[in-house]
Amino acid sequence: YACIKVMRTHYSRILAGGTYHLTIIPSTFKRLNLMPNRMGSSPEDLYDVLKLWKKQYYLPREMDDARTQKHLVQLYRPPRADWPGITIACGVLSCWSALFIHALWFIKLPWTSAEPSSWCHIVAVFFSMEFLYTGLFITTHDAMHGTIALRNRRLNDFLGHLAISLYAWFDYSILHRKHWEHHNHTGIPLVDPDFHHGNPNLLIWFAQFMMSYMTVSQFIKIAAWSNVLLLLGAPIANQMVFMTAAPLLSAFRLFYYGTYVPHHPPKGHVGPMPWQVSRSSTAPTLLSFLTCYHFDMHWEHHRWPYAPWWQLPICRQRLRQAVGAEAAAGGGAVASDPWVAVDKRQQQGRCARLEQVGPLPAVTTAAVVAAR
């Protein structure tokens, strides 16, 4: 590895196996990991995987703020193996690929064919494609968090590159960098790349959001890909419907549930919106999945950024159990959303302001951890 520019070399002892692993951190944001041959499911191994993850990603600094719920962070640990995340990611990619082929080559649009497909067929395929496009981006999002394959960074990033290329040929490196800027500077105007630029209007914010991620090379790749598909017999009309309209609608869905709703400031609020005050969904698990692959469980995502999308309902469940246990032990009422409260008092006609939640009763969460 003499050709790699090393910023830092980290040795860590595996308690259960008595072996060592080496993490080499090059000068770019990409990291190369050499994992031990033996990775079991013991608590020590899981803790070691989490330590390895924290060496690769730039976590925000924990503030001394009751809204961070620091004492609850131990309630969740990453999956015990990589194969579920890899299987789910490959499943999304496979379903999208199969439906993509069907949409481009087997759907006959009314304005291009004398014997068109039925409108029910077209609409069903369109919205299924839009949902799977959303799944492609969620897969990329998990890859940027390293949660597809915690123990195999190369495979993790490969699947992320593939998913975002199929989605709309976005630059994975740009997305990766800006997304972690969002996590480290959440809700800070002109610093958080995903936050509004002074006008929280839905459409204006969405336009700014999309423009910040578009590049010239992306449009060149899209044009080249479209011409290849045209040569292979995919009609341009089908491409416009299923390769342009569907991903644009999914982009709006992702923005609305993953950026606008969680981070939109209350009326009249000016200034930062830190992740601690992110709104999180209370919808049933199935509805949350159909909404946006649990992307609406946003406070949980910021609290446990090493949790894959399919385990965010577990994070929410354990958080609720812990808050309920603390409320019962403390004998006091706890807000239904313990991480954020809005001061409804008006001061000389001014609008509501954010108010920090006071500390919860200081009781142990050992019972909740054991119950899981």
Foldseek 3Di string as FASTA:
>chain_A
DVPFAFPDKDWDAQVPPRDIWIWTQGPDLDTDTDDDPDQFQDPSSQVVLVVVLPVRADAADDDPAQLLVVQCLVLDTADSFLVVLLVVLVVLVVVLVVLLCCLQAPAADPVHDPDGDDPVVNVVSLQVNLQSLLVLVLLLLLLLSCQNGSRGNVVSVVSNCVSVCQNQQWDSSVVSVLVSQCLHQPQAAPRNQLHANPDLDLVNSLVSNVVVGDDPVSVVSNVVVLVVVVVVPGDVVSCCRNVPVSSVVSSSLCCVQQPNQQQPDPPQEDGGRHLSRGDADPDPPVVCCSSRLRSRRRSLCSSCVNYRSPCSVVSVVLVVVQLVVLCVVVVHDADPSNSWDWDCDDDPNGGIYTDGHDHTRPDHCVVSSVVD
